[in-house]
C-alpha atoms as a PDB file:
ATOM      1  CA  MET A   1     -19.111  13.872 -27.146  1.00  0.00           C
ATOM      2  CA  ALA A   2     -17.069  10.431 -28.537  1.00  0.00           C
ATOM      3  CA  THR A   3     -16.985   7.537 -26.281  1.00  0.00           C
ATOM      4  CA  GLU A   4     -13.801   6.042 -24.984  1.00  0.00           C
ATOM      5  CA  LYS A   5     -14.596   3.035 -27.341  1.00  0.00           C
ATOM      6  CA  GLU A   6     -14.977   5.428 -30.353  1.00  0.00           C
ATOM      7  CA  LEU A   7     -11.782   6.897 -29.764  1.00  0.00           C
ATOM      8  CA  GLY A   8      -9.704   3.860 -29.255  1.00  0.00           C
ATOM      9  CA  ILE A   9      -8.661   4.697 -25.850  1.00  0.00           C
ATOM     10  CA  ALA A  10      -6.909   1.469 -24.119  1.00  0.00           C
ATOM     11  CA  GLU A  11      -8.036   0.405 -20.628  1.00  0.00           C
ATOM     12  CA  PRO A  12      -5.401   0.852 -17.937  1.00  0.00           C
ATOM     13  CA  CYS A  13      -4.747  -1.351 -15.007  1.00  0.00           C
ATOM     14  CA  GLU A  14      -6.068   0.056 -11.682  1.00  0.00           C
ATOM     15  CA  ILE A  15      -3.879  -0.803  -8.724  1.00  0.00           C
ATOM     16  CA  LEU A  16      -5.368  -1.015  -5.095  1.00  0.00           C
ATOM     17  CA  LEU A  17      -2.098  -0.498  -3.248  1.00  0.00           C
ATOM     18  CA  VAL A  18      -3.103  -1.468   0.121  1.00  0.00           C
ATOM     19  CA  ARG A  19      -0.911  -0.875   3.379  1.00  0.00           C
ATOM     20  CA  HIS A  20      -1.304  -4.262   5.622  1.00  0.00           C
ATOM     21  CA  ALA A  21      -3.511  -4.180   8.659  1.00  0.00           C
ATOM     22  CA  VAL A  22      -1.940  -3.587  12.175  1.00  0.00           C
ATOM     23  CA  PRO A  23       0.295  -6.339  13.115  1.00  0.00           C
ATOM     24  CA  GLN A  24       1.116  -7.885  16.435  1.00  0.00           C
ATOM     25  CA  PRO A  25       4.680  -7.314  17.423  1.00  0.00           C
ATOM     26  CA  ASP A  26       6.383 -10.306  18.701  1.00  0.00           C
ATOM     27  CA  GLY A  27       9.988  -9.598  19.121  1.00  0.00           C
ATOM     28  CA  THR A  28      10.461 -10.513  15.404  1.00  0.00           C
ATOM     29  CA  ILE A  29      11.075  -8.575  12.104  1.00  0.00           C
ATOM     30  CA  ASN A  30       8.395 -10.313  10.348  1.00  0.00           C
ATOM     31  CA  PRO A  31       5.302 -10.428  12.583  1.00  0.00           C
ATOM     32  CA  GLY A  32       1.895 -11.425  11.718  1.00  0.00           C
ATOM     33  CA  LEU A  33      -1.642  -9.744  12.502  1.00  0.00           C
ATOM     34  CA  GLY A  34      -3.119  -9.714  15.716  1.00  0.00           C
ATOM     35  CA  GLU A  35      -6.981  -9.480  16.573  1.00  0.00           C
ATOM     36  CA  ALA A  36      -7.202  -6.076  15.611  1.00  0.00           C
ATOM     37  CA  GLY A  37      -5.488  -6.708  12.236  1.00  0.00           C
ATOM     38  CA  LEU A  38      -7.518  -9.627  11.202  1.00  0.00           C
ATOM     39  CA  ALA A  39     -10.616  -7.444  11.933  1.00  0.00           C
ATOM     40  CA  GLN A  40      -9.084  -4.856   9.520  1.00  0.00           C
ATOM     41  CA  SER A  41      -8.378  -7.684   7.003  1.00  0.00           C
ATOM     42  CA  ARG A  42     -11.883  -8.888   7.183  1.00  0.00           C
ATOM     43  CA  SER A  43     -13.107  -5.086   6.740  1.00  0.00           C
ATOM     44  CA  LEU A  44     -11.101  -4.767   3.400  1.00  0.00           C
ATOM     45  CA  VAL A  45     -13.375  -7.859   2.337  1.00  0.00           C
ATOM     46  CA  SER A  46     -16.749  -6.077   3.018  1.00  0.00           C
ATOM     47  CA  TYR A  47     -15.182  -2.402   1.699  1.00  0.00           C
ATOM     48  CA  LEU A  48     -14.192  -3.789  -1.618  1.00  0.00           C
ATOM     49  CA  SER A  49     -17.351  -6.219  -2.019  1.00  0.00           C
ATOM     50  CA  ALA A  50     -18.684  -4.203  -4.917  1.00  0.00           C
ATOM     51  CA  GLU A  51     -15.538  -4.104  -6.841  1.00  0.00           C
ATOM     52  CA  ARG A  52     -14.327  -6.517  -9.451  1.00  0.00           C
ATOM     53  CA  ILE A  53     -10.913  -7.790  -8.353  1.00  0.00           C
ATOM     54  CA  ASP A  54      -9.190  -9.939 -10.934  1.00  0.00           C
ATOM     55  CA  ALA A  55      -5.750 -10.475  -9.211  1.00  0.00           C
ATOM     56  CA  ILE A  56      -4.277 -10.284  -5.547  1.00  0.00           C
ATOM     57  CA  TYR A  57      -0.388  -9.719  -4.955  1.00  0.00           C
ATOM     58  CA  SER A  58       1.513  -9.114  -1.747  1.00  0.00           C
ATOM     59  CA  SER A  59       4.986  -8.812  -0.444  1.00  0.00           C
ATOM     60  CA  HIS A  60       6.417 -11.772   1.127  1.00  0.00           C
ATOM     61  CA  LEU A  61       5.973 -10.223   4.807  1.00  0.00           C
ATOM     62  CA  VAL A  62       3.598 -12.251   6.902  1.00  0.00           C
ATOM     63  CA  ARG A  63       1.548  -8.943   7.716  1.00  0.00           C
ATOM     64  CA  ALA A  64       0.762  -8.012   4.076  1.00  0.00           C
ATOM     65  CA  VAL A  65      -0.068 -11.851   3.174  1.00  0.00           C
ATOM     66  CA  GLN A  66      -2.459 -12.113   6.126  1.00  0.00           C
ATOM     67  CA  THR A  67      -4.054  -8.637   5.314  1.00  0.00           C
ATOM     68  CA  VAL A  68      -5.100 -10.195   1.773  1.00  0.00           C
ATOM     69  CA  GLU A  69      -5.740 -13.522   2.932  1.00  0.00           C
ATOM     70  CA  PRO A  70      -9.413 -13.052   3.492  1.00  0.00           C
ATOM     71  CA  LEU A  71     -10.243 -11.353   0.342  1.00  0.00           C
ATOM     72  CA  ALA A  72      -8.448 -13.968  -1.767  1.00  0.00           C
ATOM     73  CA  ALA A  73     -10.425 -16.595   0.222  1.00  0.00           C
ATOM     74  CA  GLN A  74     -13.629 -14.685  -0.665  1.00  0.00           C
ATOM     75  CA  ARG A  75     -12.855 -14.186  -4.285  1.00  0.00           C
ATOM     76  CA  GLY A  76     -11.391 -17.501  -5.102  1.00  0.00           C
ATOM     77  CA  LEU A  77      -8.151 -16.093  -6.206  1.00  0.00           C
ATOM     78  CA  ASP A  78      -4.263 -17.037  -5.128  1.00  0.00           C
ATOM     79  CA  ILE A  79      -2.063 -14.532  -3.668  1.00  0.00           C
ATOM     80  CA  ILE A  80       0.914 -13.889  -5.962  1.00  0.00           C
ATOM     81  CA  ILE A  81       3.831 -13.336  -3.738  1.00  0.00           C
ATOM     82  CA  ASP A  82       6.197 -10.419  -5.256  1.00  0.00           C
ATOM     83  CA  GLU A  83       8.916  -9.339  -2.981  1.00  0.00           C
ATOM     84  CA  GLY A  84       9.261  -6.049  -5.030  1.00  0.00           C
ATOM     85  CA  LEU A  85       6.496  -5.296  -2.756  1.00  0.00           C
ATOM     86  CA  ARG A  86       8.262  -5.456   0.583  1.00  0.00           C
ATOM     87  CA  GLU A  87       9.044  -2.548   3.004  1.00  0.00           C
ATOM     88  CA  TRP A  88      12.527  -0.704   3.587  1.00  0.00           C
ATOM     89  CA  VAL A  89      15.445  -2.478   4.893  1.00  0.00           C
ATOM     90  CA  SER A  90      17.037  -1.074   8.006  1.00  0.00           C
ATOM     91  CA  GLY A  91      19.212  -2.082  10.856  1.00  0.00           C
ATOM     92  CA  ALA A  92      16.062  -3.091  12.897  1.00  0.00           C
ATOM     93  CA  THR A  93      16.071  -6.148  14.554  1.00  0.00           C
ATOM     94  CA  SER A  94      12.199  -6.269  15.470  1.00  0.00           C
ATOM     95  CA  TYR A  95       9.273  -4.713  14.131  1.00  0.00           C
ATOM     96  CA  THR A  96       7.557  -1.974  16.148  1.00  0.00           C
ATOM     97  CA  GLY A  97       4.540   0.139  14.747  1.00  0.00           C
ATOM     98  CA  THR A  98       4.018   3.304  15.088  1.00  0.00           C
ATOM     99  CA  GLU A  99       1.623   3.132  17.733  1.00  0.00           C
ATOM    100  CA  GLY A 100       4.178   1.451  19.855  1.00  0.00           C
ATOM    101  CA  MET A 101       6.948   3.898  19.741  1.00  0.00           C
ATOM    102  CA  VAL A 102       8.323   4.930  22.919  1.00  0.00           C
ATOM    103  CA  ASP A 103      10.970   7.395  21.767  1.00  0.00           C
ATOM    104  CA  VAL A 104       9.422  10.668  22.431  1.00  0.00           C
ATOM    105  CA  SER A 105      11.197  12.714  19.895  1.00  0.00           C
ATOM    106  CA  ARG A 106      10.582  10.192  17.248  1.00  0.00           C
ATOM    107  CA  THR A 107       6.808  10.135  18.359  1.00  0.00           C
ATOM    108  CA  LYS A 108       6.763  13.890  18.179  1.00  0.00           C
ATOM    109  CA  ALA A 109       8.197  13.931  14.529  1.00  0.00           C
ATOM    110  CA  PHE A 110       5.701  11.599  13.468  1.00  0.00           C
ATOM    111  CA  LEU A 111       2.607  13.406  14.988  1.00  0.00           C
ATOM    112  CA  GLU A 112       3.542  16.536  13.751  1.00  0.00           C
ATOM    113  CA  GLY A 113       4.288  15.197  10.004  1.00  0.00           C
ATOM    114  CA  ARG A 114       7.997  15.585  10.068  1.00  0.00           C
ATOM    115  CA  PHE A 115       8.370  12.077   8.860  1.00  0.00           C
ATOM    116  CA  GLU A 116      11.806  12.779   7.522  1.00  0.00           C
ATOM    117  CA  GLU A 117      13.130  14.955  10.420  1.00  0.00           C
ATOM    118  CA  GLY A 118      14.143  11.900  13.177  1.00  0.00           C
ATOM    119  CA  PHE A 119      11.078   9.641  12.440  1.00  0.00           C
ATOM    120  CA  MET A 120      12.433   7.640   9.630  1.00  0.00           C
ATOM    121  CA  PRO A 121      15.484   5.202  10.225  1.00  0.00           C
ATOM    122  CA  PRO A 122      18.470   5.120   7.792  1.00  0.00           C
ATOM    123  CA  HIS A 123      17.252   2.485   5.086  1.00  0.00           C
ATOM    124  CA  ASN A 124      17.779   1.714   1.677  1.00  0.00           C
ATOM    125  CA  ASP A 125      15.411   4.562   0.302  1.00  0.00           C
ATOM    126  CA  ALA A 126      16.965   4.773  -3.324  1.00  0.00           C
ATOM    127  CA  GLU A 127      16.543   1.000  -3.818  1.00  0.00           C
ATOM    128  CA  LEU A 128      13.066   1.051  -2.299  1.00  0.00           C
ATOM    129  CA  ARG A 129      11.734   3.563  -4.705  1.00  0.00           C
ATOM    130  CA  GLU A 130      13.524   1.800  -7.850  1.00  0.00           C
ATOM    131  CA  ASN A 131      11.904  -1.465  -7.005  1.00  0.00           C
ATOM    132  CA  MET A 132       8.243  -0.188  -6.097  1.00  0.00           C
ATOM    133  CA  VAL A 133       8.268   1.624  -9.249  1.00  0.00           C
ATOM    134  CA  ASN A 134       9.499  -0.956 -11.336  1.00  0.00           C
ATOM    135  CA  THR A 135       7.284  -3.726  -9.497  1.00  0.00           C
ATOM    136  CA  MET A 136       4.134  -1.372  -9.713  1.00  0.00           C
ATOM    137  CA  ARG A 137       4.641  -0.929 -13.675  1.00  0.00           C
ATOM    138  CA  ARG A 138       5.441  -4.609 -14.206  1.00  0.00           C
ATOM    139  CA  ILE A 139       2.410  -5.595 -12.236  1.00  0.00           C
ATOM    140  CA  GLY A 140       0.163  -3.100 -14.107  1.00  0.00           C
ATOM    141  CA  LEU A 141       1.635  -3.988 -17.807  1.00  0.00           C
ATOM    142  CA  ALA A 142       0.801  -7.695 -16.973  1.00  0.00           C
ATOM    143  CA  HIS A 143      -2.834  -6.880 -16.040  1.00  0.00           C
ATOM    144  CA  GLN A 144      -4.183  -4.176 -18.610  1.00  0.00           C
ATOM    145  CA  GLY A 145      -7.758  -3.632 -18.227  1.00  0.00           C
ATOM    146  CA  HIS A 146      -7.927  -5.498 -14.774  1.00  0.00           C
ATOM    147  CA  LYS A 147      -8.188  -4.185 -11.062  1.00  0.00           C
ATOM    148  CA  VAL A 148      -5.676  -5.639  -9.038  1.00  0.00           C
ATOM    149  CA  VAL A 149      -4.904  -5.269  -5.208  1.00  0.00           C
ATOM    150  CA  ALA A 150      -1.437  -5.306  -4.098  1.00  0.00           C
ATOM    151  CA  ALA A 151      -0.446  -5.555  -0.374  1.00  0.00           C
ATOM    152  CA  SER A 152       2.952  -3.669   0.738  1.00  0.00           C
ATOM    153  CA  HIS A 153       3.891  -1.419   3.258  1.00  0.00           C
ATOM    154  CA  GLY A 154       3.689   2.363   4.580  1.00  0.00           C
ATOM    155  CA  GLY A 155       7.453   3.241   3.731  1.00  0.00           C
ATOM    156  CA  ALA A 156       7.064   1.432   0.352  1.00  0.00           C
ATOM    157  CA  SER A 157       3.857   3.030  -0.457  1.00  0.00           C
ATOM    158  CA  ASN A 158       5.111   6.290   0.328  1.00  0.00           C
ATOM    159  CA  THR A 159       8.140   6.298  -1.714  1.00  0.00           C
ATOM    160  CA  PHE A 160       6.340   4.885  -4.728  1.00  0.00           C
ATOM    161  CA  LEU A 161       3.558   7.523  -4.587  1.00  0.00           C
ATOM    162  CA  ALA A 162       5.895  10.410  -3.885  1.00  0.00           C
ATOM    163  CA  TYR A 163       7.647   9.160  -7.260  1.00  0.00           C
ATOM    164  CA  VAL A 164       4.105   9.067  -9.128  1.00  0.00           C
ATOM    165  CA  LEU A 165       3.839  13.040  -7.637  1.00  0.00           C
ATOM    166  CA  ASP A 166       7.324  13.934  -8.708  1.00  0.00           C
ATOM    167  CA  SER A 167       8.224  14.742  -5.200  1.00  0.00           C
ATOM    168  CA  PRO A 168      11.574  14.419  -3.811  1.00  0.00           C
ATOM    169  CA  ARG A 169      10.065  13.053  -0.245  1.00  0.00           C
ATOM    170  CA  LYS A 170      10.724   9.572   1.024  1.00  0.00           C
ATOM    171  CA  PHE A 171       7.818   9.702   3.271  1.00  0.00           C
ATOM    172  CA  PHE A 172       5.062  12.403   3.016  1.00  0.00           C
ATOM    173  CA  PHE A 173       1.877  11.045   4.431  1.00  0.00           C
ATOM    174  CA  ASN A 174       0.639   8.719   7.462  1.00  0.00           C
ATOM    175  CA  PRO A 175      -0.973   5.794   5.663  1.00  0.00           C
ATOM    176  CA  GLY A 176      -3.894   4.072   7.415  1.00  0.00           C
ATOM    177  CA  TYR A 177      -3.469   0.494   8.346  1.00  0.00           C
ATOM    178  CA  ALA A 178      -5.395  -1.653   5.396  1.00  0.00           C
ATOM    179  CA  SER A 179      -5.906   1.741   3.698  1.00  0.00           C
ATOM    180  CA  ILE A 180      -5.880   1.940  -0.290  1.00  0.00           C
ATOM    181  CA  SER A 181      -4.060   4.108  -2.742  1.00  0.00           C
ATOM    182  CA  ARG A 182      -5.229   3.870  -6.218  1.00  0.00           C
ATOM    183  CA  VAL A 183      -2.815   4.159  -9.316  1.00  0.00           C
ATOM    184  CA  GLN A 184      -3.666   3.360 -12.857  1.00  0.00           C
ATOM    185  CA  VAL A 185      -0.815   2.157 -15.167  1.00  0.00           C
ATOM    186  CA  TRP A 186      -1.489   2.682 -18.874  1.00  0.00           C
ATOM    187  CA  PRO A 187      -0.047   0.707 -21.725  1.00  0.00           C
ATOM    188  CA  ASP A 188       2.820   3.188 -22.006  1.00  0.00           C
ATOM    189  CA  GLY A 189       3.877   2.494 -18.323  1.00  0.00           C
ATOM    190  CA  ARG A 190       2.608   6.014 -17.067  1.00  0.00           C
ATOM    191  CA  PHE A 191       1.191   6.073 -13.655  1.00  0.00           C
ATOM    192  CA  VAL A 192      -2.060   8.134 -12.855  1.00  0.00           C
ATOM    193  CA  LEU A 193      -2.873   8.628  -9.352  1.00  0.00           C
ATOM    194  CA  LEU A 194      -6.289   8.426  -8.240  1.00  0.00           C
ATOM    195  CA  CYS A 195      -6.474   8.685  -4.660  1.00  0.00           C
ATOM    196  CA  ILE A 196      -4.180   8.406  -1.647  1.00  0.00           C
ATOM    197  CA  ASN A 197      -4.829   6.691   1.861  1.00  0.00           C
ATOM    198  CA  GLU A 198      -8.603   5.453   1.208  1.00  0.00           C
ATOM    199  CA  LEU A 199      -9.460   4.236   4.554  1.00  0.00           C
ATOM    200  CA  THR A 200     -11.313   0.912   4.834  1.00  0.00           C
ATOM    201  CA  HIS A 201     -12.388   0.135   8.153  1.00  0.00           C
ATOM    202  CA  GLU A 202     -15.327   1.725   9.932  1.00  0.00           C
ATOM    203  CA  ARG A 203     -13.596   3.291  13.080  1.00  0.00           C
ATOM    204  CA  ASP A 204     -11.144   5.403  10.740  1.00  0.00           C
ATOM    205  CA  ARG A 205     -13.576   6.109   7.718  1.00  0.00           C
ATOM    206  CA  GLY A 206     -14.074   9.617   6.598  1.00  0.00           C
ATOM    207  CA  SER A 207     -10.729  11.085   7.969  1.00  0.00           C
ATOM    208  CA  GLY A 208      -7.387  11.219   6.227  1.00  0.00           C
ATOM    209  CA  ILE A 209      -8.439  10.848   2.861  1.00  0.00           C
ATOM    210  CA  LEU A 210      -6.621  12.939   0.370  1.00  0.00           C
ATOM    211  CA  PRO A 211      -8.301  12.862  -3.136  1.00  0.00           C
ATOM    212  CA  ILE A 212      -6.507  13.706  -6.009  1.00  0.00           C
ATOM    213  CA  GLY A 213      -7.892  15.735  -9.074  1.00  0.00           C
END
């Protein structure tokens, strides 16, 4: 069988789409990480220790930036801020993680996987999907043959991966904190999904991974 080199196959970019680690709500819309989240950000360093990383991107939100700071420091790479990786925009005035929800019906919908039936607030879903698709394609085309980490958010990751899967859903899986979903971006702009929700810290590893292909 001919090798990829003999066949003249191009090298795509592999993007490791990372959901931010667990933040510490502080009454603002843009909290940073608490002790648990900082531990998860460090686990990302050890989890990826055997992999080459060529560039690190992050949304501008503090919880995403802080998630990849230890990895960037360990690899000697700058964090490239890209607002295209941001989370949805809703009417919320402060951040509340799913673990801090107090609304019983919303919590029940989330735990039962009925993400679009009472869990999600009204938000800019069409704009979010377009932004994420364009941003992921732009990053991938700028890094052909490279492996790139991109720190983003649960809703943003969901809407992008739903696009890759050609699904009409806006939110179809529960992304773990500091989890990784891997996508190739080929020179013609195509996305090829490798895996969803690869869990990176020891406590959660081994549950919730959804391999593709």
